[in-house]
Amino acid sequence: MAQLINIGFGNMVNGDKIISMVSTDAAPIKRMIQNARDEGLAVDATCGRRTRTALIMESGHLVLSALTTETIAIRCRSGFKNEEKEEENDG
């Protein structure tokens, strides 16, 4: 079953399809975001807020979030812990 991660403002991504989460402070990442926008591969989930994290997906899409990488990482880890607990209860 796919693990959905809340990336802010009610937006969710499939945690199994995330390759990387990167902060958008560096110039190369900003260029990567602009290139993805130009190619139609950027999914803006910031709701008009400042972009703090770019999630690089298996499909080549970039999902932009207003949450920090640390916040999303915590949500990923807590989701995996909940999934492990469910498996223990089932088995």
C-alpha atoms as a PDB file:
ATOM      1  CA  MET A   1       0.000   0.000   0.000  1.00  0.00           C
ATOM      2  CA  ALA A   2       1.304   3.457  -0.909  1.00  0.00           C
ATOM      3  CA  GLN A   3       2.351   5.707   1.944  1.00  0.00           C
ATOM      4  CA  LEU A   4       0.970   9.208   1.402  1.00  0.00           C
ATOM      5  CA  ILE A   5       2.972  12.052   2.932  1.00  0.00           C
ATOM      6  CA  ASN A   6       1.324  15.392   3.742  1.00  0.00           C
ATOM      7  CA  ILE A   7       3.508  18.104   2.188  1.00  0.00           C
ATOM      8  CA  GLY A   8       1.362  20.973   3.421  1.00  0.00           C
ATOM      9  CA  PHE A   9      -2.026  22.577   2.778  1.00  0.00           C
ATOM     10  CA  GLY A  10      -3.734  19.212   2.323  1.00  0.00           C
ATOM     11  CA  ASN A  11      -1.411  18.132  -0.503  1.00  0.00           C
ATOM     12  CA  MET A  12      -0.092  14.587  -0.439  1.00  0.00           C
ATOM     13  CA  VAL A  13       2.597  12.676  -2.342  1.00  0.00           C
ATOM     14  CA  ASN A  14       3.368   8.988  -2.566  1.00  0.00           C
ATOM     15  CA  GLY A  15       6.308   8.517  -0.194  1.00  0.00           C
ATOM     16  CA  ASP A  16       7.438   5.413  -2.092  1.00  0.00           C
ATOM     17  CA  LYS A  17       8.081   7.498  -5.228  1.00  0.00           C
ATOM     18  CA  ILE A  18      10.281  10.207  -3.655  1.00  0.00           C
ATOM     19  CA  ILE A  19      13.912  10.005  -4.783  1.00  0.00           C
ATOM     20  CA  SER A  20      15.182  13.056  -2.936  1.00  0.00           C
ATOM     21  CA  MET A  21      14.119  16.070  -0.873  1.00  0.00           C
ATOM     22  CA  VAL A  22      16.284  19.145  -1.329  1.00  0.00           C
ATOM     23  CA  SER A  23      16.299  22.635   0.119  1.00  0.00           C
ATOM     24  CA  THR A  24      15.783  25.380  -2.446  1.00  0.00           C
ATOM     25  CA  ASP A  25      18.483  27.724  -1.109  1.00  0.00           C
ATOM     26  CA  ALA A  26      21.205  26.788  -3.618  1.00  0.00           C
ATOM     27  CA  ALA A  27      21.376  28.293  -7.106  1.00  0.00           C
ATOM     28  CA  PRO A  28      21.607  24.904  -8.906  1.00  0.00           C
ATOM     29  CA  ILE A  29      18.343  23.806  -7.280  1.00  0.00           C
ATOM     30  CA  LYS A  30      16.684  27.080  -8.312  1.00  0.00           C
ATOM     31  CA  ARG A  31      17.804  26.404 -11.894  1.00  0.00           C
ATOM     32  CA  MET A  32      16.471  22.854 -11.668  1.00  0.00           C
ATOM     33  CA  ILE A  33      13.091  24.214 -10.527  1.00  0.00           C
ATOM     34  CA  GLN A  34      12.991  26.755 -13.365  1.00  0.00           C
ATOM     35  CA  ASN A  35      13.860  24.050 -15.908  1.00  0.00           C
ATOM     36  CA  ALA A  36      11.098  21.808 -14.521  1.00  0.00           C
ATOM     37  CA  ARG A  37       8.614  24.687 -14.795  1.00  0.00           C
ATOM     38  CA  ASP A  38       9.682  25.353 -18.387  1.00  0.00           C
ATOM     39  CA  GLU A  39       9.240  21.663 -19.269  1.00  0.00           C
ATOM     40  CA  GLY A  40       5.914  21.325 -17.437  1.00  0.00           C
ATOM     41  CA  LEU A  41       7.335  18.914 -14.847  1.00  0.00           C
ATOM     42  CA  ALA A  42       6.918  21.152 -11.770  1.00  0.00           C
ATOM     43  CA  VAL A  43       3.981  20.585  -9.427  1.00  0.00           C
ATOM     44  CA  ASP A  44       3.563  23.667  -7.235  1.00  0.00           C
ATOM     45  CA  ALA A  45       1.976  22.705  -3.902  1.00  0.00           C
ATOM     46  CA  THR A  46       3.057  25.875  -2.056  1.00  0.00           C
ATOM     47  CA  CYS A  47      -0.313  27.690  -2.224  1.00  0.00           C
ATOM     48  CA  GLY A  48       1.526  30.935  -2.962  1.00  0.00           C
ATOM     49  CA  ARG A  49       4.013  30.605  -0.102  1.00  0.00           C
ATOM     50  CA  ARG A  50       7.797  30.613  -0.401  1.00  0.00           C
ATOM     51  CA  THR A  51       9.165  27.343  -1.804  1.00  0.00           C
ATOM     52  CA  ARG A  52      11.388  25.700   0.805  1.00  0.00           C
ATOM     53  CA  THR A  53      11.634  22.112  -0.445  1.00  0.00           C
ATOM     54  CA  ALA A  54      11.718  20.446  -3.837  1.00  0.00           C
ATOM     55  CA  LEU A  55      10.789  16.776  -3.878  1.00  0.00           C
ATOM     56  CA  ILE A  56      12.346  14.917  -6.796  1.00  0.00           C
ATOM     57  CA  MET A  57      10.036  12.116  -7.866  1.00  0.00           C
ATOM     58  CA  GLU A  58      10.745   8.869  -9.766  1.00  0.00           C
ATOM     59  CA  SER A  59       8.753  10.185 -12.724  1.00  0.00           C
ATOM     60  CA  GLY A  60      11.089  13.168 -13.118  1.00  0.00           C
ATOM     61  CA  HIS A  61       8.568  15.620 -11.699  1.00  0.00           C
ATOM     62  CA  LEU A  62       9.543  18.187  -9.081  1.00  0.00           C
ATOM     63  CA  VAL A  63       6.962  18.742  -6.353  1.00  0.00           C
ATOM     64  CA  LEU A  64       7.419  22.098  -4.634  1.00  0.00           C
ATOM     65  CA  SER A  65       6.446  22.496  -0.986  1.00  0.00           C
ATOM     66  CA  ALA A  66       6.396  25.403   1.444  1.00  0.00           C
ATOM     67  CA  LEU A  67       7.429  23.078   4.292  1.00  0.00           C
ATOM     68  CA  THR A  68      11.065  22.573   5.241  1.00  0.00           C
ATOM     69  CA  THR A  69      12.913  19.382   4.374  1.00  0.00           C
ATOM     70  CA  GLU A  70      13.169  18.572   8.091  1.00  0.00           C
ATOM     71  CA  THR A  71       9.401  18.792   8.580  1.00  0.00           C
ATOM     72  CA  ILE A  72       8.692  16.533   5.612  1.00  0.00           C
ATOM     73  CA  ALA A  73      11.384  14.058   6.737  1.00  0.00           C
ATOM     74  CA  ILE A  74       9.763  13.832  10.183  1.00  0.00           C
ATOM     75  CA  ARG A  75       6.404  13.157   8.544  1.00  0.00           C
ATOM     76  CA  CYS A  76       7.991  10.434   6.398  1.00  0.00           C
ATOM     77  CA  ARG A  77       9.587   8.750   9.403  1.00  0.00           C
ATOM     78  CA  SER A  78       6.405   8.881  11.481  1.00  0.00           C
ATOM     79  CA  GLY A  79       4.482   7.366   8.566  1.00  0.00           C
ATOM     80  CA  PHE A  80       6.941   4.470   8.350  1.00  0.00           C
ATOM     81  CA  LYS A  81       6.641   3.858  12.117  1.00  0.00           C
ATOM     82  CA  ASN A  82       2.837   3.762  11.869  1.00  0.00           C
ATOM     83  CA  GLU A  83       3.098   1.337   8.944  1.00  0.00           C
ATOM     84  CA  GLU A  84       5.409  -0.965  10.955  1.00  0.00           C
ATOM     85  CA  LYS A  85       2.969  -0.957  13.910  1.00  0.00           C
ATOM     86  CA  GLU A  86       0.089  -1.939  11.601  1.00  0.00           C
ATOM     87  CA  GLU A  87       2.158  -4.835  10.202  1.00  0.00           C
ATOM     88  CA  GLU A  88       2.958  -6.060  13.745  1.00  0.00           C
ATOM     89  CA  ASN A  89      -0.725  -5.961  14.689  1.00  0.00           C
ATOM     90  CA  ASP A  90      -1.728  -7.849  11.529  1.00  0.00           C
ATOM     91  CA  GLY A  91       0.892 -10.559  11.991  1.00  0.00           C
END
